[in-house]
N, C-alpha and C. Protein backbone atom coordinates (compact mmCIF):
# COMPACT_ATOMS: atom_id res chain seq x y z
N UNK A 1 13.59 43.00 40.25
CA UNK A 1 12.48 43.91 40.09
C UNK A 1 12.49 44.94 41.20
N UNK A 2 12.69 44.49 42.44
CA UNK A 2 12.69 45.41 43.57
C UNK A 2 13.84 46.40 43.45
N UNK A 3 15.01 45.92 42.98
CA UNK A 3 16.15 46.81 42.82
C UNK A 3 15.88 47.88 41.77
N UNK A 4 15.17 47.52 40.70
CA UNK A 4 14.85 48.49 39.66
C UNK A 4 13.97 49.60 40.22
N UNK A 5 13.00 49.21 41.05
CA UNK A 5 12.12 50.21 41.65
C UNK A 5 12.92 51.13 42.56
N UNK A 6 13.82 50.55 43.36
CA UNK A 6 14.64 51.36 44.25
C UNK A 6 15.56 52.28 43.46
N UNK A 7 16.13 51.82 42.36
CA UNK A 7 17.01 52.66 41.56
C UNK A 7 16.25 53.80 40.92
N UNK A 8 15.04 53.53 40.45
CA UNK A 8 14.23 54.60 39.85
C UNK A 8 13.88 55.65 40.89
N UNK A 9 13.53 55.20 42.08
CA UNK A 9 13.20 56.13 43.15
C UNK A 9 14.41 56.98 43.49
N UNK A 10 15.56 56.39 43.56
CA UNK A 10 16.78 57.12 43.84
C UNK A 10 17.08 58.13 42.74
N UNK A 11 16.85 57.76 41.49
CA UNK A 11 17.09 58.68 40.39
C UNK A 11 16.12 59.86 40.46
N UNK A 12 14.89 59.63 40.85
CA UNK A 12 13.93 60.73 40.98
C UNK A 12 14.31 61.64 42.13
N UNK A 13 14.82 61.09 43.19
CA UNK A 13 15.23 61.92 44.32
C UNK A 13 16.43 62.77 43.92
N UNK A 14 17.36 62.22 43.18
CA UNK A 14 18.54 62.97 42.78
C UNK A 14 18.16 64.11 41.84
N UNK A 15 17.17 63.89 40.98
CA UNK A 15 16.77 64.93 40.05
C UNK A 15 15.68 65.82 40.64
N UNK A 16 15.27 65.56 41.85
CA UNK A 16 14.19 66.33 42.46
C UNK A 16 14.57 67.75 42.84
N UNK A 17 15.84 68.07 42.90
CA UNK A 17 16.24 69.42 43.30
C UNK A 17 15.96 70.45 42.21
N UNK A 18 15.92 70.03 40.97
CA UNK A 18 15.65 70.96 39.88
C UNK A 18 14.31 70.67 39.23
N UNK A 19 13.33 70.30 40.04
CA UNK A 19 12.02 69.90 39.56
C UNK A 19 11.12 71.12 39.36
N UNK A 20 10.54 71.22 38.17
CA UNK A 20 9.57 72.28 37.89
C UNK A 20 8.26 71.60 37.47
N UNK A 21 7.24 72.40 37.26
CA UNK A 21 5.95 71.86 36.86
C UNK A 21 6.02 71.16 35.51
N UNK A 22 6.73 71.75 34.57
CA UNK A 22 6.87 71.15 33.24
C UNK A 22 7.63 69.83 33.30
N UNK A 23 8.67 69.80 34.11
CA UNK A 23 9.45 68.57 34.25
C UNK A 23 8.63 67.46 34.90
N UNK A 24 7.81 67.83 35.88
CA UNK A 24 6.96 66.85 36.54
C UNK A 24 5.95 66.29 35.55
N UNK A 25 5.36 67.15 34.72
CA UNK A 25 4.39 66.70 33.72
C UNK A 25 5.07 65.78 32.70
N UNK A 26 6.27 66.13 32.24
CA UNK A 26 7.00 65.31 31.28
C UNK A 26 7.37 63.96 31.88
N UNK A 27 7.78 63.96 33.15
CA UNK A 27 8.14 62.71 33.82
C UNK A 27 6.94 61.80 33.97
N UNK A 28 5.79 62.36 34.33
CA UNK A 28 4.58 61.55 34.48
C UNK A 28 4.12 60.98 33.14
N UNK A 29 4.20 61.76 32.07
CA UNK A 29 3.79 61.24 30.76
C UNK A 29 4.73 60.13 30.30
N UNK A 30 6.03 60.28 30.56
CA UNK A 30 6.98 59.23 30.20
C UNK A 30 6.72 57.96 31.01
N UNK A 31 6.41 58.14 32.29
CA UNK A 31 6.12 56.99 33.14
C UNK A 31 4.86 56.27 32.66
N UNK A 32 3.81 57.00 32.34
CA UNK A 32 2.58 56.39 31.86
C UNK A 32 2.80 55.66 30.53
N UNK A 33 3.63 56.24 29.64
CA UNK A 33 3.94 55.57 28.38
C UNK A 33 4.71 54.28 28.63
N UNK A 34 5.61 54.32 29.59
CA UNK A 34 6.40 53.14 29.95
C UNK A 34 5.49 52.03 30.48
N UNK A 35 4.57 52.39 31.38
CA UNK A 35 3.65 51.41 31.95
C UNK A 35 2.76 50.81 30.86
N UNK A 36 2.28 51.64 29.96
CA UNK A 36 1.41 51.18 28.88
C UNK A 36 2.16 50.20 27.96
N UNK A 37 3.41 50.52 27.66
CA UNK A 37 4.22 49.65 26.80
C UNK A 37 4.47 48.29 27.45
N UNK A 38 4.81 48.29 28.73
CA UNK A 38 5.08 47.03 29.41
C UNK A 38 3.81 46.21 29.61
N UNK A 39 2.68 46.87 29.74
CA UNK A 39 1.42 46.15 29.85
C UNK A 39 1.13 45.42 28.55
N UNK A 40 1.41 46.06 27.43
CA UNK A 40 1.21 45.45 26.12
C UNK A 40 2.15 44.26 25.94
N UNK A 41 3.41 44.39 26.38
CA UNK A 41 4.37 43.31 26.27
C UNK A 41 3.97 42.11 27.14
N UNK A 42 3.48 42.39 28.34
CA UNK A 42 3.10 41.30 29.23
C UNK A 42 1.90 40.55 28.69
N UNK A 43 0.98 41.24 28.02
CA UNK A 43 -0.16 40.56 27.40
C UNK A 43 0.30 39.69 26.24
N UNK A 44 1.29 40.14 25.51
CA UNK A 44 1.80 39.36 24.38
C UNK A 44 2.50 38.08 24.86
N UNK A 45 3.22 38.16 25.97
CA UNK A 45 3.90 36.98 26.50
C UNK A 45 2.92 36.04 27.17
N UNK A 46 1.79 36.54 27.64
CA UNK A 46 0.80 35.68 28.27
C UNK A 46 0.12 34.78 27.25
N UNK A 47 0.05 35.19 25.99
CA UNK A 47 -0.60 34.41 24.95
C UNK A 47 0.29 33.29 24.41
N UNK A 48 1.56 33.25 24.77
CA UNK A 48 2.49 32.25 24.26
C UNK A 48 2.22 30.91 24.93
N UNK A 49 2.14 29.85 24.13
CA UNK A 49 1.91 28.51 24.65
C UNK A 49 3.26 27.92 25.07
N UNK A 50 3.38 27.43 26.30
CA UNK A 50 4.67 26.88 26.72
C UNK A 50 4.96 25.56 26.02
N UNK A 51 6.25 25.28 25.82
CA UNK A 51 6.70 24.04 25.20
C UNK A 51 7.75 23.40 26.09
N UNK A 52 7.91 22.09 25.94
CA UNK A 52 8.90 21.37 26.73
C UNK A 52 8.38 21.05 28.11
N UNK A 53 9.24 21.17 29.12
CA UNK A 53 8.85 20.86 30.48
C UNK A 53 7.96 21.97 31.03
N UNK A 54 6.87 21.59 31.67
CA UNK A 54 5.94 22.54 32.24
C UNK A 54 5.22 21.90 33.41
N UNK A 55 4.37 22.64 34.07
CA UNK A 55 3.62 22.09 35.19
C UNK A 55 2.42 21.32 34.66
N UNK A 56 1.86 20.49 35.52
CA UNK A 56 0.71 19.69 35.12
C UNK A 56 -0.48 20.60 34.81
N UNK A 57 -0.64 21.68 35.59
CA UNK A 57 -1.74 22.60 35.36
C UNK A 57 -1.62 23.27 34.00
N UNK A 58 -0.42 23.67 33.60
CA UNK A 58 -0.23 24.28 32.29
C UNK A 58 -0.54 23.28 31.18
N UNK A 59 -0.15 22.04 31.39
CA UNK A 59 -0.39 21.01 30.39
C UNK A 59 -1.88 20.72 30.23
N UNK A 60 -2.58 20.63 31.33
CA UNK A 60 -4.02 20.38 31.30
C UNK A 60 -4.76 21.59 30.74
N UNK A 61 -4.27 22.78 31.04
CA UNK A 61 -4.91 24.01 30.58
C UNK A 61 -4.91 24.19 29.08
N UNK A 62 -4.11 23.42 28.35
CA UNK A 62 -4.06 23.56 26.90
C UNK A 62 -5.17 22.77 26.21
N UNK A 63 -5.95 22.00 26.98
CA UNK A 63 -7.13 21.27 26.48
C UNK A 63 -6.83 20.41 25.25
N UNK A 64 -5.76 19.62 25.32
CA UNK A 64 -5.44 18.75 24.20
C UNK A 64 -5.38 17.29 24.63
N UNK A 65 -5.89 16.98 25.78
CA UNK A 65 -5.89 15.61 26.27
C UNK A 65 -4.54 15.27 26.87
N UNK A 66 -4.55 14.66 28.04
CA UNK A 66 -3.31 14.36 28.75
C UNK A 66 -3.26 12.86 29.04
N UNK A 67 -2.11 12.26 28.80
CA UNK A 67 -1.85 10.85 29.14
C UNK A 67 -0.63 10.82 30.04
N UNK A 68 -0.38 9.65 30.65
CA UNK A 68 0.80 9.57 31.51
C UNK A 68 1.46 8.21 31.40
N UNK A 69 2.75 8.20 31.78
CA UNK A 69 3.56 6.98 31.83
C UNK A 69 4.26 6.99 33.18
N UNK A 70 4.40 5.81 33.76
CA UNK A 70 5.05 5.70 35.06
C UNK A 70 6.49 5.24 34.87
N UNK A 71 7.43 5.94 35.52
CA UNK A 71 8.85 5.58 35.46
C UNK A 71 9.32 5.32 36.89
N UNK A 72 9.95 4.16 37.10
CA UNK A 72 10.44 3.81 38.43
C UNK A 72 11.90 4.17 38.64
N UNK A 73 12.59 4.51 37.58
CA UNK A 73 14.02 4.79 37.66
C UNK A 73 14.26 6.15 38.31
N UNK A 74 15.14 6.24 39.31
CA UNK A 74 15.37 7.52 39.97
C UNK A 74 16.14 8.53 39.12
N UNK A 75 16.82 8.08 38.08
CA UNK A 75 17.57 9.03 37.25
C UNK A 75 16.67 9.54 36.12
N UNK A 76 15.79 10.45 36.47
CA UNK A 76 14.79 10.97 35.54
C UNK A 76 15.41 12.01 34.61
N UNK A 77 16.55 12.56 34.96
CA UNK A 77 17.19 13.59 34.15
C UNK A 77 17.52 13.10 32.74
N UNK A 78 17.91 11.84 32.62
CA UNK A 78 18.23 11.29 31.30
C UNK A 78 16.98 11.29 30.42
N UNK A 79 15.84 10.96 31.01
CA UNK A 79 14.60 10.99 30.24
C UNK A 79 14.24 12.41 29.84
N UNK A 80 14.47 13.38 30.71
CA UNK A 80 14.16 14.78 30.39
C UNK A 80 14.97 15.25 29.19
N UNK A 81 16.24 14.88 29.13
CA UNK A 81 17.08 15.27 27.99
C UNK A 81 16.53 14.71 26.68
N UNK A 82 16.14 13.45 26.72
CA UNK A 82 15.64 12.80 25.51
C UNK A 82 14.29 13.39 25.11
N UNK A 83 13.43 13.70 26.07
CA UNK A 83 12.12 14.28 25.77
C UNK A 83 12.28 15.66 25.15
N UNK A 84 13.24 16.44 25.62
CA UNK A 84 13.50 17.75 25.01
C UNK A 84 14.01 17.59 23.59
N UNK A 85 14.81 16.55 23.38
CA UNK A 85 15.35 16.29 22.04
C UNK A 85 14.23 16.00 21.04
N UNK A 86 13.20 15.28 21.48
CA UNK A 86 12.09 14.94 20.61
C UNK A 86 11.01 16.02 20.57
N UNK A 87 11.14 17.08 21.35
CA UNK A 87 10.18 18.18 21.33
C UNK A 87 8.84 17.83 21.94
N UNK A 88 8.86 17.04 22.97
CA UNK A 88 7.62 16.61 23.62
C UNK A 88 7.26 17.61 24.72
N UNK A 89 5.98 17.98 24.80
CA UNK A 89 5.49 18.79 25.92
C UNK A 89 5.15 17.82 27.05
N UNK A 90 5.80 17.97 28.20
CA UNK A 90 5.62 17.01 29.28
C UNK A 90 5.67 17.70 30.63
N UNK A 91 5.16 16.99 31.62
CA UNK A 91 5.24 17.44 33.01
C UNK A 91 5.55 16.21 33.85
N UNK A 92 6.41 16.39 34.85
CA UNK A 92 6.82 15.27 35.70
C UNK A 92 6.31 15.51 37.11
N UNK A 93 5.66 14.49 37.66
CA UNK A 93 5.15 14.55 39.02
C UNK A 93 5.74 13.40 39.80
N UNK A 94 6.30 13.67 40.97
CA UNK A 94 6.92 12.64 41.80
C UNK A 94 5.88 12.06 42.74
N UNK A 95 5.73 10.73 42.71
CA UNK A 95 4.80 10.03 43.59
C UNK A 95 5.59 9.47 44.76
N UNK A 96 5.46 10.08 45.92
CA UNK A 96 6.26 9.70 47.09
C UNK A 96 5.59 8.62 47.94
N UNK A 97 4.45 8.12 47.53
CA UNK A 97 3.74 7.15 48.35
C UNK A 97 4.48 5.82 48.46
N UNK A 98 5.24 5.44 47.44
CA UNK A 98 6.00 4.19 47.50
C UNK A 98 7.41 4.47 47.99
N UNK A 99 8.08 3.41 48.51
CA UNK A 99 9.41 3.61 49.07
C UNK A 99 10.44 4.03 48.03
N UNK A 100 10.67 3.29 46.92
CA UNK A 100 11.44 3.98 45.89
C UNK A 100 10.45 4.86 45.13
N UNK A 101 10.66 6.15 45.13
CA UNK A 101 9.65 7.03 44.52
C UNK A 101 9.47 6.76 43.03
N UNK A 102 8.23 6.86 42.60
CA UNK A 102 7.89 6.69 41.19
C UNK A 102 7.69 8.07 40.59
N UNK A 103 7.89 8.17 39.31
CA UNK A 103 7.67 9.42 38.60
C UNK A 103 6.57 9.21 37.56
N UNK A 104 5.60 10.10 37.55
CA UNK A 104 4.55 10.08 36.55
C UNK A 104 4.88 11.15 35.52
N UNK A 105 5.01 10.73 34.28
CA UNK A 105 5.31 11.66 33.19
C UNK A 105 4.01 11.90 32.43
N UNK A 106 3.48 13.13 32.55
CA UNK A 106 2.27 13.50 31.83
C UNK A 106 2.67 14.14 30.51
N UNK A 107 1.91 13.84 29.46
CA UNK A 107 2.20 14.41 28.15
C UNK A 107 0.91 14.60 27.38
N UNK A 108 0.96 15.41 26.35
CA UNK A 108 -0.21 15.67 25.52
C UNK A 108 -0.55 14.44 24.70
N UNK A 109 -1.83 14.28 24.39
CA UNK A 109 -2.28 13.14 23.61
C UNK A 109 -1.70 13.13 22.21
N UNK A 110 -1.51 14.32 21.63
CA UNK A 110 -0.98 14.38 20.26
C UNK A 110 0.51 14.06 20.21
N UNK A 111 1.19 14.09 21.35
CA UNK A 111 2.62 13.79 21.40
C UNK A 111 2.90 12.32 21.68
N UNK A 112 1.90 11.46 21.58
CA UNK A 112 2.06 10.05 21.95
C UNK A 112 3.12 9.36 21.11
N UNK A 113 3.13 9.60 19.81
CA UNK A 113 4.12 8.94 18.94
C UNK A 113 5.54 9.41 19.26
N UNK A 114 5.70 10.69 19.43
CA UNK A 114 7.02 11.22 19.77
C UNK A 114 7.48 10.72 21.13
N UNK A 115 6.55 10.60 22.06
CA UNK A 115 6.92 10.13 23.39
C UNK A 115 7.28 8.65 23.37
N UNK A 116 6.60 7.84 22.57
CA UNK A 116 6.99 6.42 22.50
C UNK A 116 8.39 6.28 21.90
N UNK A 117 8.72 7.11 20.92
CA UNK A 117 10.07 7.07 20.35
C UNK A 117 11.09 7.50 21.40
N UNK A 118 10.77 8.55 22.16
CA UNK A 118 11.68 9.02 23.21
C UNK A 118 11.82 7.96 24.30
N UNK A 119 10.73 7.30 24.63
CA UNK A 119 10.77 6.29 25.68
C UNK A 119 11.56 5.06 25.25
N UNK A 120 11.46 4.66 23.98
CA UNK A 120 12.26 3.52 23.51
C UNK A 120 13.75 3.88 23.53
N UNK A 121 14.09 5.11 23.15
CA UNK A 121 15.50 5.52 23.22
C UNK A 121 15.99 5.52 24.66
N UNK A 122 15.15 5.98 25.57
CA UNK A 122 15.50 6.02 27.00
C UNK A 122 15.74 4.61 27.53
N UNK A 123 14.85 3.66 27.19
CA UNK A 123 15.02 2.29 27.68
C UNK A 123 16.25 1.62 27.07
N UNK A 124 16.52 1.90 25.78
CA UNK A 124 17.72 1.31 25.18
C UNK A 124 18.98 1.87 25.83
N UNK A 125 18.95 3.13 26.19
CA UNK A 125 20.08 3.74 26.87
C UNK A 125 20.31 3.10 28.24
N UNK A 126 19.22 2.83 28.95
CA UNK A 126 19.31 2.20 30.27
C UNK A 126 19.82 0.76 30.15
N UNK A 127 19.41 0.04 29.10
CA UNK A 127 19.88 -1.34 28.89
C UNK A 127 21.38 -1.35 28.62
N UNK A 128 21.84 -0.41 27.80
CA UNK A 128 23.28 -0.32 27.52
C UNK A 128 24.06 -0.03 28.79
N UNK A 129 23.53 0.83 29.65
CA UNK A 129 24.22 1.12 30.91
C UNK A 129 24.27 -0.11 31.80
N UNK A 130 23.18 -0.90 31.80
CA UNK A 130 23.14 -2.11 32.62
C UNK A 130 24.13 -3.14 32.11
N UNK A 131 24.33 -3.23 30.78
CA UNK A 131 25.31 -4.17 30.23
C UNK A 131 26.72 -3.73 30.55
N UNK A 132 26.96 -2.45 30.57
CA UNK A 132 28.29 -1.93 30.83
C UNK A 132 28.67 -2.06 32.30
N UNK A 133 27.70 -2.09 33.19
CA UNK A 133 27.96 -2.11 34.62
C UNK A 133 28.74 -3.34 35.07
N UNK A 134 28.42 -4.57 34.67
CA UNK A 134 29.21 -5.72 35.13
C UNK A 134 30.66 -5.64 34.66
N UNK A 135 30.91 -5.10 33.50
CA UNK A 135 32.27 -4.94 33.02
C UNK A 135 33.06 -4.01 33.96
N UNK A 136 32.42 -2.97 34.38
CA UNK A 136 33.05 -2.03 35.30
C UNK A 136 33.34 -2.72 36.64
N UNK A 137 32.40 -3.53 37.10
CA UNK A 137 32.61 -4.25 38.35
C UNK A 137 33.80 -5.21 38.25
N UNK A 138 33.96 -5.88 37.09
CA UNK A 138 35.10 -6.78 36.90
C UNK A 138 36.42 -6.03 36.98
N UNK A 139 36.46 -4.85 36.35
CA UNK A 139 37.70 -4.07 36.39
C UNK A 139 38.00 -3.57 37.80
N UNK A 140 36.98 -3.26 38.56
CA UNK A 140 37.20 -2.84 39.94
C UNK A 140 37.79 -3.97 40.77
N UNK A 141 37.30 -5.18 40.55
CA UNK A 141 37.81 -6.34 41.29
C UNK A 141 39.26 -6.62 40.89
N UNK A 142 39.56 -6.52 39.60
CA UNK A 142 40.94 -6.74 39.14
C UNK A 142 41.89 -5.71 39.75
N UNK A 143 41.47 -4.47 39.77
CA UNK A 143 42.33 -3.42 40.32
C UNK A 143 42.54 -3.63 41.81
N UNK A 144 41.54 -4.10 42.51
CA UNK A 144 41.67 -4.32 43.94
C UNK A 144 42.59 -5.50 44.23
N UNK A 145 42.56 -6.55 43.39
CA UNK A 145 43.35 -7.75 43.63
C UNK A 145 44.81 -7.60 43.24
N UNK A 146 45.13 -6.62 42.42
CA UNK A 146 46.54 -6.45 42.02
C UNK A 146 47.36 -5.98 43.21
N UNK A 147 48.61 -6.48 43.29
CA UNK A 147 49.45 -6.06 44.42
C UNK A 147 49.80 -4.58 44.31
N UNK A 148 49.87 -3.95 45.45
CA UNK A 148 50.19 -2.53 45.48
C UNK A 148 51.69 -2.34 45.23
N UNK A 149 52.02 -1.38 44.38
CA UNK A 149 53.41 -1.06 44.14
C UNK A 149 53.90 -0.13 45.23
N UNK A 150 55.12 -0.38 45.63
CA UNK A 150 55.69 0.52 46.63
C UNK A 150 56.14 1.79 45.94
N UNK A 151 55.84 2.87 46.56
CA UNK A 151 56.32 4.14 46.02
C UNK A 151 57.65 4.45 46.70
N UNK A 152 58.66 4.79 45.92
CA UNK A 152 59.97 5.06 46.55
C UNK A 152 59.89 6.33 47.40
N UNK A 153 60.51 6.23 48.55
CA UNK A 153 60.49 7.40 49.44
C UNK A 153 61.53 8.40 48.95
N UNK A 154 61.24 9.62 49.12
CA UNK A 154 62.12 10.67 48.61
C UNK A 154 63.01 11.27 49.69
N UNK A 155 63.11 10.57 50.79
CA UNK A 155 63.94 11.07 51.85
C UNK A 155 65.42 10.80 51.52
N UNK A 156 66.20 11.70 51.86
CA UNK A 156 67.63 11.53 51.60
C UNK A 156 68.21 10.59 52.65
N UNK A 157 69.01 9.61 52.19
CA UNK A 157 69.62 8.68 53.11
C UNK A 157 71.01 9.19 53.46
N UNK A 158 71.39 9.05 54.71
CA UNK A 158 72.70 9.52 55.15
C UNK A 158 73.55 8.38 55.59
């Protein structure tokens, strides 16, 4: 935004050498039309209701009732992906009062069914990861216990 203002100012300075009264009037009318148009556009975007991830204030400001769920898992990104998939309007707040931080997920009251479906998918995904983890640990132990192969040296023998 600041660069645009600086570029416009520079353009006016460059064209200022051939400035007449008529040109000044035309420039001012074009500028006022530009400002009026952007004011109209900004009002139109202000009326849009946000969807997906948003702040708690935006969520409460929609006056549709807010509920929350507590998540103790630090990998909250996986839940965010699933919530976007289900089209849930949500806000995440980190509670730092406990040693492993907890996350409070706020959502609209009307999205309760969609959020329970998203939450069940999230928990099933976490259970699958937990089942896969011991298998990975076994393979790590096997790889560590195998004898190391000697790599042949590439030095020329004389």
